[in-house]
N, C-alpha and C. Protein backbone atom coordinates (compact mmCIF):
# COMPACT_ATOMS: atom_id res chain seq x y z
N MET A 1 -74.55 -118.43 -59.68
CA MET A 1 -75.72 -117.79 -59.03
C MET A 1 -76.83 -117.68 -60.06
N ASN A 2 -78.00 -118.14 -59.72
CA ASN A 2 -79.10 -118.07 -60.69
C ASN A 2 -79.60 -116.64 -60.83
N LYS A 3 -80.42 -116.43 -61.84
CA LYS A 3 -80.91 -115.09 -62.17
C LYS A 3 -81.79 -114.54 -61.05
N ILE A 4 -82.53 -115.39 -60.39
CA ILE A 4 -83.45 -114.92 -59.34
C ILE A 4 -82.65 -114.37 -58.15
N ALA A 5 -81.58 -115.14 -57.76
CA ALA A 5 -80.76 -114.68 -56.64
C ALA A 5 -80.03 -113.40 -56.96
N ALA A 6 -79.51 -113.33 -58.19
CA ALA A 6 -78.81 -112.11 -58.61
C ALA A 6 -79.74 -110.91 -58.59
N GLY A 7 -80.93 -111.08 -59.07
CA GLY A 7 -81.91 -109.99 -59.09
C GLY A 7 -82.28 -109.55 -57.70
N TRP A 8 -82.38 -110.53 -56.80
CA TRP A 8 -82.73 -110.20 -55.41
C TRP A 8 -81.62 -109.38 -54.75
N LEU A 9 -80.36 -109.76 -55.02
CA LEU A 9 -79.23 -109.01 -54.44
C LEU A 9 -79.17 -107.59 -54.97
N ILE A 10 -79.45 -107.44 -56.28
CA ILE A 10 -79.45 -106.09 -56.87
C ILE A 10 -80.55 -105.24 -56.25
N SER A 11 -81.73 -105.84 -56.09
CA SER A 11 -82.85 -105.11 -55.47
C SER A 11 -82.53 -104.71 -54.05
N LEU A 12 -81.88 -105.65 -53.32
CA LEU A 12 -81.51 -105.36 -51.93
C LEU A 12 -80.50 -104.21 -51.86
N ALA A 13 -79.54 -104.20 -52.78
CA ALA A 13 -78.54 -103.13 -52.80
C ALA A 13 -79.17 -101.77 -53.05
N PHE A 14 -80.05 -101.71 -54.03
CA PHE A 14 -80.75 -100.46 -54.32
C PHE A 14 -81.63 -100.03 -53.15
N GLY A 15 -82.25 -101.03 -52.50
CA GLY A 15 -83.12 -100.71 -51.36
C GLY A 15 -82.33 -100.12 -50.21
N LEU A 16 -81.16 -100.70 -49.91
CA LEU A 16 -80.30 -100.17 -48.84
C LEU A 16 -79.81 -98.76 -49.17
N GLN A 17 -79.47 -98.53 -50.44
CA GLN A 17 -79.00 -97.20 -50.86
C GLN A 17 -80.10 -96.16 -50.68
N ALA A 18 -81.33 -96.56 -51.07
CA ALA A 18 -82.46 -95.64 -50.94
C ALA A 18 -82.73 -95.32 -49.47
N MET A 19 -82.62 -96.36 -48.61
CA MET A 19 -82.83 -96.14 -47.17
C MET A 19 -81.78 -95.20 -46.59
N ALA A 20 -80.54 -95.34 -47.04
CA ALA A 20 -79.47 -94.47 -46.56
C ALA A 20 -79.70 -93.03 -46.97
N GLN A 21 -80.13 -92.83 -48.23
CA GLN A 21 -80.40 -91.47 -48.71
C GLN A 21 -81.57 -90.85 -47.95
N THR A 22 -82.58 -91.67 -47.68
CA THR A 22 -83.74 -91.18 -46.92
C THR A 22 -83.33 -90.77 -45.52
N ALA A 23 -82.45 -91.57 -44.90
CA ALA A 23 -81.98 -91.25 -43.55
C ALA A 23 -81.19 -89.95 -43.53
N ASP A 24 -80.37 -89.73 -44.58
CA ASP A 24 -79.58 -88.50 -44.64
C ASP A 24 -80.47 -87.28 -44.78
N ASN A 25 -81.55 -87.43 -45.54
CA ASN A 25 -82.43 -86.30 -45.82
C ASN A 25 -83.49 -86.09 -44.74
N ALA A 26 -83.65 -87.07 -43.87
CA ALA A 26 -84.68 -86.97 -42.84
C ALA A 26 -84.35 -85.84 -41.87
N PRO A 27 -85.34 -85.09 -41.40
CA PRO A 27 -85.08 -84.00 -40.45
C PRO A 27 -84.53 -84.54 -39.15
N LYS A 28 -83.47 -83.86 -38.65
CA LYS A 28 -82.85 -84.28 -37.40
C LYS A 28 -83.70 -83.81 -36.22
N PRO A 29 -83.72 -84.59 -35.16
CA PRO A 29 -84.51 -84.19 -33.99
C PRO A 29 -84.04 -82.84 -33.45
N ALA A 30 -85.00 -81.99 -33.07
CA ALA A 30 -84.68 -80.65 -32.57
C ALA A 30 -83.90 -80.73 -31.27
N LYS A 31 -82.91 -79.83 -31.13
CA LYS A 31 -82.12 -79.78 -29.91
C LYS A 31 -82.95 -79.22 -28.77
N ALA A 32 -82.86 -79.84 -27.62
CA ALA A 32 -83.63 -79.39 -26.47
C ALA A 32 -83.20 -77.98 -26.08
N VAL A 33 -84.18 -77.14 -25.84
CA VAL A 33 -83.91 -75.75 -25.46
C VAL A 33 -83.63 -75.68 -23.96
N LYS A 34 -82.54 -75.02 -23.59
CA LYS A 34 -82.18 -74.82 -22.20
C LYS A 34 -81.79 -73.36 -22.02
N ILE A 35 -82.62 -72.63 -21.31
CA ILE A 35 -82.44 -71.18 -21.18
C ILE A 35 -81.95 -70.83 -19.78
N GLY A 36 -80.85 -70.11 -19.73
CA GLY A 36 -80.34 -69.60 -18.46
C GLY A 36 -80.43 -68.08 -18.43
N TYR A 37 -80.06 -67.49 -17.31
CA TYR A 37 -80.10 -66.03 -17.23
C TYR A 37 -79.03 -65.55 -16.25
N THR A 38 -78.64 -64.29 -16.41
CA THR A 38 -77.72 -63.64 -15.50
C THR A 38 -78.01 -62.15 -15.52
N ASN A 39 -77.31 -61.39 -14.71
CA ASN A 39 -77.47 -59.93 -14.69
C ASN A 39 -76.11 -59.30 -14.96
N VAL A 40 -75.94 -58.84 -16.17
CA VAL A 40 -74.64 -58.31 -16.61
C VAL A 40 -74.23 -57.10 -15.78
N ASN A 41 -75.16 -56.20 -15.52
CA ASN A 41 -74.83 -54.99 -14.76
C ASN A 41 -74.42 -55.33 -13.32
N TYR A 42 -75.07 -56.35 -12.76
CA TYR A 42 -74.70 -56.77 -11.40
C TYR A 42 -73.28 -57.33 -11.39
N VAL A 43 -72.97 -58.19 -12.35
CA VAL A 43 -71.64 -58.77 -12.43
C VAL A 43 -70.59 -57.67 -12.56
N LEU A 44 -70.89 -56.68 -13.41
CA LEU A 44 -69.97 -55.56 -13.58
C LEU A 44 -69.82 -54.76 -12.28
N SER A 45 -70.94 -54.54 -11.59
CA SER A 45 -70.91 -53.69 -10.39
C SER A 45 -70.12 -54.31 -9.25
N VAL A 46 -70.05 -55.65 -9.18
CA VAL A 46 -69.33 -56.30 -8.09
C VAL A 46 -67.91 -56.71 -8.50
N SER A 47 -67.56 -56.41 -9.73
CA SER A 47 -66.21 -56.74 -10.20
C SER A 47 -65.21 -55.71 -9.66
N PRO A 48 -63.97 -56.10 -9.45
CA PRO A 48 -62.94 -55.15 -9.00
C PRO A 48 -62.79 -53.97 -9.96
N ALA A 49 -63.06 -54.22 -11.24
CA ALA A 49 -62.90 -53.16 -12.24
C ALA A 49 -63.86 -52.00 -12.00
N SER A 50 -65.03 -52.29 -11.42
CA SER A 50 -66.03 -51.23 -11.24
C SER A 50 -65.52 -50.12 -10.32
N LYS A 51 -64.78 -50.49 -9.28
CA LYS A 51 -64.25 -49.48 -8.36
C LYS A 51 -63.18 -48.63 -9.04
N VAL A 52 -62.37 -49.28 -9.87
CA VAL A 52 -61.34 -48.54 -10.61
C VAL A 52 -61.99 -47.56 -11.58
N ILE A 53 -63.03 -48.04 -12.28
CA ILE A 53 -63.74 -47.19 -13.24
C ILE A 53 -64.36 -45.99 -12.53
N GLN A 54 -65.04 -46.26 -11.40
CA GLN A 54 -65.70 -45.20 -10.66
C GLN A 54 -64.69 -44.15 -10.19
N LYS A 55 -63.53 -44.61 -9.72
CA LYS A 55 -62.51 -43.70 -9.22
C LYS A 55 -61.98 -42.81 -10.34
N GLN A 56 -61.74 -43.39 -11.50
CA GLN A 56 -61.23 -42.60 -12.63
C GLN A 56 -62.25 -41.57 -13.09
N LEU A 57 -63.53 -41.97 -13.11
CA LEU A 57 -64.57 -41.02 -13.51
C LEU A 57 -64.68 -39.87 -12.51
N GLU A 58 -64.58 -40.20 -11.23
CA GLU A 58 -64.67 -39.15 -10.20
C GLU A 58 -63.48 -38.20 -10.27
N GLU A 59 -62.30 -38.72 -10.56
CA GLU A 59 -61.12 -37.87 -10.67
C GLU A 59 -61.25 -36.92 -11.86
N THR A 60 -61.76 -37.44 -12.97
CA THR A 60 -61.97 -36.59 -14.15
C THR A 60 -63.00 -35.52 -13.85
N GLN A 61 -64.06 -35.89 -13.16
CA GLN A 61 -65.11 -34.94 -12.82
C GLN A 61 -64.58 -33.83 -11.91
N LYS A 62 -63.73 -34.20 -10.94
CA LYS A 62 -63.18 -33.21 -10.03
C LYS A 62 -62.37 -32.16 -10.78
N GLN A 63 -61.62 -32.59 -11.78
CA GLN A 63 -60.83 -31.65 -12.57
C GLN A 63 -61.73 -30.66 -13.30
N TYR A 64 -62.80 -31.18 -13.89
CA TYR A 64 -63.74 -30.28 -14.59
C TYR A 64 -64.43 -29.34 -13.61
N LEU A 65 -64.85 -29.88 -12.46
CA LEU A 65 -65.54 -29.04 -11.48
C LEU A 65 -64.63 -27.91 -10.98
N LYS A 66 -63.35 -28.22 -10.79
CA LYS A 66 -62.40 -27.19 -10.34
C LYS A 66 -62.27 -26.09 -11.39
N THR A 67 -62.16 -26.47 -12.65
CA THR A 67 -62.04 -25.47 -13.73
C THR A 67 -63.29 -24.62 -13.83
N ILE A 68 -64.47 -25.29 -13.74
CA ILE A 68 -65.74 -24.56 -13.81
C ILE A 68 -65.89 -23.62 -12.63
N GLU A 69 -65.50 -24.09 -11.44
CA GLU A 69 -65.58 -23.25 -10.25
C GLU A 69 -64.69 -22.01 -10.38
N ASP A 70 -63.48 -22.19 -10.89
CA ASP A 70 -62.56 -21.05 -11.07
C ASP A 70 -63.14 -20.04 -12.05
N LYS A 71 -63.73 -20.54 -13.12
CA LYS A 71 -64.31 -19.63 -14.12
C LYS A 71 -65.54 -18.91 -13.57
N ASN A 72 -66.31 -19.60 -12.75
CA ASN A 72 -67.46 -18.95 -12.13
C ASN A 72 -67.02 -17.84 -11.17
N LYS A 73 -65.94 -18.09 -10.45
CA LYS A 73 -65.43 -17.05 -9.56
C LYS A 73 -64.93 -15.85 -10.36
N GLU A 74 -64.27 -16.14 -11.47
CA GLU A 74 -63.81 -15.06 -12.35
C GLU A 74 -65.00 -14.25 -12.87
N LEU A 75 -66.07 -14.96 -13.24
CA LEU A 75 -67.26 -14.28 -13.74
C LEU A 75 -67.89 -13.42 -12.65
N GLU A 76 -67.98 -13.94 -11.44
CA GLU A 76 -68.56 -13.18 -10.33
C GLU A 76 -67.74 -11.93 -10.03
N THR A 77 -66.42 -12.07 -10.03
CA THR A 77 -65.54 -10.93 -9.74
C THR A 77 -65.70 -9.83 -10.79
N LYS A 78 -65.72 -10.23 -12.05
CA LYS A 78 -65.85 -9.26 -13.13
C LYS A 78 -67.24 -8.62 -13.13
N PHE A 79 -68.26 -9.41 -12.77
CA PHE A 79 -69.61 -8.86 -12.74
C PHE A 79 -69.76 -7.83 -11.62
N GLU A 80 -69.16 -8.14 -10.46
CA GLU A 80 -69.21 -7.18 -9.34
C GLU A 80 -68.49 -5.89 -9.71
N SER A 81 -67.35 -6.02 -10.36
CA SER A 81 -66.60 -4.84 -10.79
C SER A 81 -67.41 -4.03 -11.80
N TYR A 82 -68.10 -4.75 -12.68
CA TYR A 82 -68.94 -4.09 -13.70
C TYR A 82 -70.08 -3.32 -13.02
N GLN A 83 -70.71 -3.94 -12.03
CA GLN A 83 -71.84 -3.29 -11.35
C GLN A 83 -71.41 -2.02 -10.64
N LYS A 84 -70.23 -2.05 -10.01
CA LYS A 84 -69.76 -0.88 -9.26
C LYS A 84 -69.43 0.29 -10.18
N ALA A 85 -68.90 -0.03 -11.34
CA ALA A 85 -68.46 1.05 -12.24
C ALA A 85 -69.47 1.37 -13.33
N GLN A 86 -70.55 0.63 -13.37
CA GLN A 86 -71.51 0.76 -14.47
C GLN A 86 -72.06 2.17 -14.63
N ALA A 87 -72.36 2.81 -13.50
CA ALA A 87 -73.02 4.13 -13.55
C ALA A 87 -72.14 5.20 -14.19
N THR A 88 -70.83 5.07 -14.07
CA THR A 88 -69.92 6.10 -14.59
C THR A 88 -69.23 5.67 -15.89
N MET A 89 -69.59 4.52 -16.42
CA MET A 89 -68.93 4.03 -17.64
C MET A 89 -69.43 4.76 -18.87
N LEU A 90 -68.53 4.95 -19.83
CA LEU A 90 -68.96 5.40 -21.14
C LEU A 90 -69.75 4.28 -21.81
N GLU A 91 -70.65 4.65 -22.70
CA GLU A 91 -71.53 3.67 -23.34
C GLU A 91 -70.73 2.57 -24.04
N SER A 92 -69.68 2.96 -24.75
CA SER A 92 -68.88 1.99 -25.50
C SER A 92 -68.17 1.01 -24.56
N ILE A 93 -67.67 1.53 -23.41
CA ILE A 93 -66.99 0.67 -22.45
C ILE A 93 -67.98 -0.28 -21.77
N ARG A 94 -69.17 0.26 -21.46
CA ARG A 94 -70.20 -0.56 -20.82
C ARG A 94 -70.58 -1.74 -21.71
N LYS A 95 -70.79 -1.45 -23.00
CA LYS A 95 -71.15 -2.52 -23.94
C LYS A 95 -70.03 -3.55 -24.07
N ASP A 96 -68.79 -3.04 -24.06
CA ASP A 96 -67.65 -3.95 -24.17
C ASP A 96 -67.57 -4.87 -22.94
N LYS A 97 -67.80 -4.32 -21.75
CA LYS A 97 -67.76 -5.11 -20.52
C LYS A 97 -68.89 -6.15 -20.50
N GLU A 98 -70.06 -5.74 -20.94
CA GLU A 98 -71.20 -6.67 -20.97
C GLU A 98 -70.94 -7.82 -21.94
N GLU A 99 -70.35 -7.50 -23.08
CA GLU A 99 -70.02 -8.55 -24.05
C GLU A 99 -68.96 -9.50 -23.48
N GLU A 100 -68.01 -8.94 -22.75
CA GLU A 100 -66.99 -9.77 -22.12
C GLU A 100 -67.62 -10.73 -21.12
N LEU A 101 -68.58 -10.25 -20.33
CA LEU A 101 -69.27 -11.10 -19.35
C LEU A 101 -70.08 -12.20 -20.04
N ARG A 102 -70.76 -11.84 -21.11
CA ARG A 102 -71.56 -12.83 -21.85
C ARG A 102 -70.66 -13.91 -22.46
N ASN A 103 -69.53 -13.50 -23.01
CA ASN A 103 -68.60 -14.47 -23.61
C ASN A 103 -68.04 -15.44 -22.56
N LEU A 104 -67.75 -14.87 -21.38
CA LEU A 104 -67.23 -15.71 -20.30
C LEU A 104 -68.29 -16.71 -19.85
N GLN A 105 -69.52 -16.24 -19.76
CA GLN A 105 -70.59 -17.14 -19.35
C GLN A 105 -70.81 -18.24 -20.40
N ARG A 106 -70.76 -17.87 -21.68
CA ARG A 106 -70.92 -18.87 -22.73
C ARG A 106 -69.80 -19.92 -22.68
N SER A 107 -68.59 -19.45 -22.36
CA SER A 107 -67.46 -20.40 -22.28
C SER A 107 -67.65 -21.39 -21.14
N ILE A 108 -68.27 -20.92 -20.04
CA ILE A 108 -68.55 -21.81 -18.91
C ILE A 108 -69.59 -22.85 -19.31
N GLN A 109 -70.62 -22.40 -20.01
CA GLN A 109 -71.66 -23.33 -20.46
C GLN A 109 -71.09 -24.37 -21.43
N THR A 110 -70.22 -23.93 -22.33
CA THR A 110 -69.59 -24.86 -23.27
C THR A 110 -68.71 -25.87 -22.55
N LEU A 111 -67.97 -25.37 -21.55
CA LEU A 111 -67.11 -26.25 -20.76
C LEU A 111 -67.93 -27.31 -20.04
N GLN A 112 -69.07 -26.90 -19.50
CA GLN A 112 -69.93 -27.84 -18.79
C GLN A 112 -70.45 -28.91 -19.74
N GLU A 113 -70.88 -28.50 -20.93
CA GLU A 113 -71.38 -29.47 -21.92
C GLU A 113 -70.27 -30.43 -22.34
N ASN A 114 -69.07 -29.90 -22.56
CA ASN A 114 -67.94 -30.74 -22.95
C ASN A 114 -67.56 -31.71 -21.83
N ALA A 115 -67.70 -31.26 -20.59
CA ALA A 115 -67.38 -32.12 -19.45
C ALA A 115 -68.31 -33.32 -19.42
N GLN A 116 -69.60 -33.07 -19.62
CA GLN A 116 -70.57 -34.16 -19.62
C GLN A 116 -70.30 -35.15 -20.74
N GLU A 117 -70.01 -34.63 -21.92
CA GLU A 117 -69.74 -35.50 -23.07
C GLU A 117 -68.46 -36.31 -22.84
N ASP A 118 -67.46 -35.66 -22.28
CA ASP A 118 -66.19 -36.35 -22.03
C ASP A 118 -66.36 -37.44 -20.97
N LEU A 119 -67.17 -37.16 -19.94
CA LEU A 119 -67.42 -38.16 -18.91
C LEU A 119 -68.15 -39.37 -19.48
N ARG A 120 -69.14 -39.11 -20.34
CA ARG A 120 -69.88 -40.22 -20.97
C ARG A 120 -68.95 -41.07 -21.83
N LYS A 121 -68.11 -40.40 -22.62
CA LYS A 121 -67.19 -41.12 -23.50
C LYS A 121 -66.18 -41.92 -22.68
N LYS A 122 -65.67 -41.30 -21.63
CA LYS A 122 -64.69 -41.98 -20.78
C LYS A 122 -65.30 -43.21 -20.12
N GLU A 123 -66.54 -43.07 -19.66
CA GLU A 123 -67.23 -44.20 -19.04
C GLU A 123 -67.38 -45.34 -20.05
N ASN A 124 -67.83 -45.01 -21.27
CA ASN A 124 -68.00 -46.03 -22.31
C ASN A 124 -66.68 -46.72 -22.62
N ASP A 125 -65.61 -45.93 -22.72
CA ASP A 125 -64.30 -46.50 -23.04
C ASP A 125 -63.80 -47.43 -21.94
N LEU A 126 -64.10 -47.09 -20.69
CA LEU A 126 -63.65 -47.91 -19.56
C LEU A 126 -64.51 -49.16 -19.37
N VAL A 127 -65.80 -49.02 -19.61
CA VAL A 127 -66.73 -50.12 -19.36
C VAL A 127 -66.71 -51.15 -20.49
N LYS A 128 -66.52 -50.70 -21.73
CA LYS A 128 -66.61 -51.60 -22.88
C LYS A 128 -65.76 -52.85 -22.76
N PRO A 129 -64.45 -52.74 -22.45
CA PRO A 129 -63.65 -53.97 -22.36
C PRO A 129 -64.09 -54.90 -21.23
N GLU A 130 -64.63 -54.33 -20.14
CA GLU A 130 -65.11 -55.16 -19.04
C GLU A 130 -66.37 -55.92 -19.45
N LEU A 131 -67.25 -55.25 -20.20
CA LEU A 131 -68.45 -55.92 -20.69
C LEU A 131 -68.10 -57.04 -21.66
N GLU A 132 -67.09 -56.80 -22.49
CA GLU A 132 -66.67 -57.84 -23.43
C GLU A 132 -66.17 -59.08 -22.69
N LYS A 133 -65.47 -58.87 -21.58
CA LYS A 133 -65.01 -60.01 -20.77
C LYS A 133 -66.21 -60.78 -20.19
N ILE A 134 -67.20 -60.03 -19.72
CA ILE A 134 -68.39 -60.67 -19.14
C ILE A 134 -69.14 -61.46 -20.20
N TYR A 135 -69.32 -60.87 -21.40
CA TYR A 135 -70.04 -61.57 -22.47
C TYR A 135 -69.30 -62.84 -22.88
N LYS A 136 -67.98 -62.78 -22.91
CA LYS A 136 -67.21 -63.97 -23.26
C LYS A 136 -67.40 -65.05 -22.20
N ALA A 137 -67.39 -64.65 -20.93
CA ALA A 137 -67.60 -65.60 -19.84
C ALA A 137 -68.99 -66.23 -19.92
N VAL A 138 -70.00 -65.41 -20.28
CA VAL A 138 -71.36 -65.93 -20.45
C VAL A 138 -71.39 -66.98 -21.56
N ASN A 139 -70.74 -66.68 -22.68
CA ASN A 139 -70.69 -67.63 -23.80
C ASN A 139 -70.01 -68.94 -23.38
N ASP A 140 -68.91 -68.82 -22.66
CA ASP A 140 -68.18 -70.01 -22.21
C ASP A 140 -69.03 -70.85 -21.27
N VAL A 141 -69.69 -70.18 -20.32
CA VAL A 141 -70.54 -70.89 -19.36
C VAL A 141 -71.69 -71.58 -20.08
N ALA A 142 -72.29 -70.91 -21.06
CA ALA A 142 -73.40 -71.49 -21.81
C ALA A 142 -72.97 -72.76 -22.54
N LYS A 143 -71.83 -72.71 -23.21
CA LYS A 143 -71.34 -73.87 -23.95
C LYS A 143 -70.97 -75.02 -23.02
N GLU A 144 -70.33 -74.69 -21.90
CA GLU A 144 -69.89 -75.73 -20.97
C GLU A 144 -71.04 -76.41 -20.25
N ASN A 145 -72.17 -75.69 -20.11
CA ASN A 145 -73.30 -76.23 -19.35
C ASN A 145 -74.52 -76.54 -20.20
N GLY A 146 -74.36 -76.51 -21.50
CA GLY A 146 -75.43 -76.94 -22.39
C GLY A 146 -76.60 -75.99 -22.52
N PHE A 147 -76.37 -74.69 -22.26
CA PHE A 147 -77.45 -73.72 -22.43
C PHE A 147 -77.54 -73.30 -23.90
N THR A 148 -78.75 -73.28 -24.43
CA THR A 148 -78.93 -72.81 -25.80
C THR A 148 -79.13 -71.30 -25.84
N HIS A 149 -79.60 -70.73 -24.74
CA HIS A 149 -79.81 -69.29 -24.65
C HIS A 149 -79.47 -68.83 -23.23
N VAL A 150 -78.91 -67.62 -23.11
CA VAL A 150 -78.72 -66.98 -21.81
C VAL A 150 -79.24 -65.55 -21.91
N LEU A 151 -80.20 -65.20 -21.07
CA LEU A 151 -80.82 -63.89 -21.11
C LEU A 151 -80.21 -62.97 -20.06
N ASN A 152 -80.31 -61.66 -20.32
CA ASN A 152 -79.88 -60.66 -19.34
C ASN A 152 -81.09 -60.31 -18.49
N SER A 153 -81.06 -60.64 -17.21
CA SER A 153 -82.25 -60.59 -16.37
C SER A 153 -82.74 -59.18 -16.06
N ASP A 154 -81.92 -58.15 -16.32
CA ASP A 154 -82.40 -56.79 -16.04
C ASP A 154 -83.10 -56.19 -17.25
N GLN A 155 -83.41 -57.01 -18.24
CA GLN A 155 -84.11 -56.52 -19.43
C GLN A 155 -85.34 -57.38 -19.70
N VAL A 156 -86.44 -57.03 -19.07
CA VAL A 156 -87.75 -57.63 -19.28
C VAL A 156 -87.79 -59.13 -19.00
N LEU A 157 -87.10 -59.60 -17.98
CA LEU A 157 -87.24 -60.98 -17.53
C LEU A 157 -88.19 -60.97 -16.34
N LEU A 158 -89.43 -61.39 -16.57
CA LEU A 158 -90.46 -61.26 -15.55
C LEU A 158 -90.42 -62.40 -14.53
N TYR A 159 -90.01 -63.58 -14.96
CA TYR A 159 -89.92 -64.70 -14.04
C TYR A 159 -88.91 -65.71 -14.56
N ALA A 160 -88.15 -66.31 -13.66
CA ALA A 160 -87.23 -67.37 -14.02
C ALA A 160 -86.91 -68.19 -12.79
N ASP A 161 -86.79 -69.49 -12.97
CA ASP A 161 -86.43 -70.39 -11.88
C ASP A 161 -84.96 -70.16 -11.52
N GLU A 162 -84.67 -70.04 -10.23
CA GLU A 162 -83.30 -69.78 -9.78
C GLU A 162 -82.32 -70.87 -10.21
N GLU A 163 -82.86 -72.04 -10.51
CA GLU A 163 -82.02 -73.15 -10.95
C GLU A 163 -81.23 -72.79 -12.20
N PHE A 164 -81.78 -71.87 -13.01
CA PHE A 164 -81.16 -71.53 -14.28
C PHE A 164 -80.40 -70.21 -14.24
N ASP A 165 -80.17 -69.70 -13.02
CA ASP A 165 -79.37 -68.48 -12.85
C ASP A 165 -77.88 -68.86 -12.96
N VAL A 166 -77.22 -68.37 -13.99
CA VAL A 166 -75.81 -68.73 -14.22
C VAL A 166 -74.86 -67.65 -13.72
N THR A 167 -75.37 -66.68 -12.97
CA THR A 167 -74.54 -65.56 -12.52
C THR A 167 -73.31 -66.04 -11.73
N GLU A 168 -73.51 -66.99 -10.83
CA GLU A 168 -72.39 -67.47 -10.03
C GLU A 168 -71.35 -68.15 -10.91
N LEU A 169 -71.81 -68.90 -11.91
CA LEU A 169 -70.88 -69.56 -12.83
C LEU A 169 -70.08 -68.53 -13.63
N VAL A 170 -70.76 -67.46 -14.05
CA VAL A 170 -70.08 -66.40 -14.81
C VAL A 170 -69.05 -65.70 -13.94
N MET A 171 -69.42 -65.41 -12.69
CA MET A 171 -68.49 -64.74 -11.78
C MET A 171 -67.29 -65.63 -11.48
N ASN A 172 -67.53 -66.93 -11.32
CA ASN A 172 -66.42 -67.86 -11.10
C ASN A 172 -65.49 -67.88 -12.31
N LYS A 173 -66.07 -67.83 -13.49
CA LYS A 173 -65.28 -67.84 -14.72
C LYS A 173 -64.40 -66.59 -14.79
N LEU A 174 -64.91 -65.47 -14.27
CA LEU A 174 -64.17 -64.21 -14.30
C LEU A 174 -63.27 -64.04 -13.07
N GLY A 175 -63.39 -64.95 -12.11
CA GLY A 175 -62.60 -64.82 -10.89
C GLY A 175 -63.10 -63.72 -9.97
N ILE A 176 -64.40 -63.42 -10.04
CA ILE A 176 -65.00 -62.37 -9.20
C ILE A 176 -65.60 -63.01 -7.96
N LYS A 177 -65.24 -62.49 -6.80
CA LYS A 177 -65.76 -63.01 -5.55
C LYS A 177 -67.09 -62.34 -5.23
N ALA A 178 -68.08 -63.14 -4.88
CA ALA A 178 -69.39 -62.60 -4.54
C ALA A 178 -69.30 -61.74 -3.28
N PRO A 179 -69.99 -60.59 -3.25
CA PRO A 179 -69.95 -59.74 -2.05
C PRO A 179 -70.63 -60.41 -0.87
N ALA A 180 -70.30 -59.95 0.33
CA ALA A 180 -70.93 -60.48 1.53
C ALA A 180 -72.40 -60.12 1.54
N ASP A 181 -73.20 -60.89 2.28
CA ASP A 181 -74.64 -60.61 2.37
C ASP A 181 -74.87 -59.17 2.80
N GLY A 182 -75.79 -58.53 2.08
CA GLY A 182 -76.12 -57.13 2.40
C GLY A 182 -75.33 -56.15 1.57
N ASP A 183 -74.22 -56.64 0.95
CA ASP A 183 -73.41 -55.75 0.12
C ASP A 183 -73.61 -56.01 -1.36
N GLY A 184 -74.42 -57.01 -1.68
CA GLY A 184 -74.56 -57.41 -3.07
C GLY A 184 -75.70 -56.75 -3.81
N LYS A 185 -75.89 -55.48 -3.60
CA LYS A 185 -76.94 -54.76 -4.30
C LYS A 185 -76.62 -54.68 -5.79
N GLN A 186 -77.64 -54.88 -6.59
CA GLN A 186 -77.44 -54.88 -8.03
C GLN A 186 -77.47 -53.45 -8.55
N GLU A 187 -76.32 -52.84 -8.62
CA GLU A 187 -76.20 -51.46 -9.05
C GLU A 187 -75.29 -51.36 -10.26
N GLU A 188 -75.61 -50.43 -11.14
CA GLU A 188 -74.78 -50.21 -12.31
C GLU A 188 -73.63 -49.27 -11.96
N VAL A 189 -72.57 -49.33 -12.76
CA VAL A 189 -71.52 -48.32 -12.64
C VAL A 189 -72.13 -47.01 -13.13
N LYS A 190 -72.14 -46.01 -12.28
CA LYS A 190 -72.83 -44.77 -12.62
C LYS A 190 -71.85 -43.65 -12.91
N THR A 191 -72.20 -42.83 -13.89
CA THR A 191 -71.42 -41.64 -14.18
C THR A 191 -71.59 -40.65 -13.02
N PRO A 192 -70.51 -40.02 -12.55
CA PRO A 192 -70.62 -39.07 -11.44
C PRO A 192 -71.64 -37.97 -11.72
N ALA A 193 -72.06 -37.31 -10.66
CA ALA A 193 -73.09 -36.28 -10.77
C ALA A 193 -72.69 -35.18 -11.74
N LYS A 194 -73.70 -34.57 -12.33
CA LYS A 194 -73.49 -33.51 -13.31
C LYS A 194 -72.85 -32.29 -12.66
N PRO A 195 -71.82 -31.69 -13.30
CA PRO A 195 -71.20 -30.49 -12.74
C PRO A 195 -72.21 -29.37 -12.55
N ALA A 196 -71.96 -28.53 -11.55
CA ALA A 196 -72.89 -27.46 -11.24
C ALA A 196 -73.06 -26.52 -12.42
N ALA A 197 -74.29 -26.01 -12.58
CA ALA A 197 -74.57 -25.08 -13.67
C ALA A 197 -73.87 -23.75 -13.41
N PRO A 198 -73.45 -23.08 -14.47
CA PRO A 198 -72.77 -21.79 -14.30
C PRO A 198 -73.71 -20.71 -13.75
N VAL A 199 -73.12 -19.72 -13.13
CA VAL A 199 -73.89 -18.61 -12.58
C VAL A 199 -74.48 -17.79 -13.72
N ARG A 200 -75.79 -17.48 -13.62
CA ARG A 200 -76.44 -16.65 -14.64
C ARG A 200 -76.12 -15.18 -14.37
N LYS A 201 -75.74 -14.46 -15.41
CA LYS A 201 -75.32 -13.08 -15.22
C LYS A 201 -76.11 -12.12 -16.11
N PRO A 202 -75.55 -10.97 -16.47
CA PRO A 202 -76.34 -9.87 -17.03
C PRO A 202 -77.29 -10.27 -18.14
N GLY A 203 -78.52 -9.82 -18.01
CA GLY A 203 -79.52 -10.01 -19.04
C GLY A 203 -80.04 -11.42 -19.13
N GLY A 204 -79.57 -12.33 -18.28
CA GLY A 204 -80.01 -13.72 -18.29
C GLY A 204 -79.66 -14.44 -19.54
N LYS A 205 -78.68 -13.95 -20.33
CA LYS A 205 -78.31 -14.54 -21.61
C LYS A 205 -77.25 -15.60 -21.39
């Protein structure tokens, strides 16, 4: 092989190597963005788990309401007894009875506050694993259908084409049957109503 041919082959080899390195370092084309959306709270509300969660919360609330009601009745009975005997009570006994009534009322208020906190915690504990299942289903649906992003439509989604609504796909992934027309209202699992406030007694304290 003459020197000219050898030099040409060497130059060609270096040129191909340089082209390969340039190709490796070149920016890759951006992945096409495909955005879908769903409503997590709606999916949760129509899931079988939502009815179970609601029932458990209501049962817990009933227990607290019964205890609060019994204590309110006790407070009313003791207050009526105090009122009837107040005029003939010794000062020391009157003060002792009033303190007893105030302590009972404070215990009712504390019980009510604890009931609310317990209901909130119980709701969070029951809902959390169901939400995790929904989020996993959303991730699976996104990967299987080429979505780069999936938004939660109940959080500042002002407009979206229905073509990109993946709610049905998510529900299918979870095995949730869509409700019949007219029953598919998008409602959240709600904590039961707040227990009744305790009866206010002597001195408004």
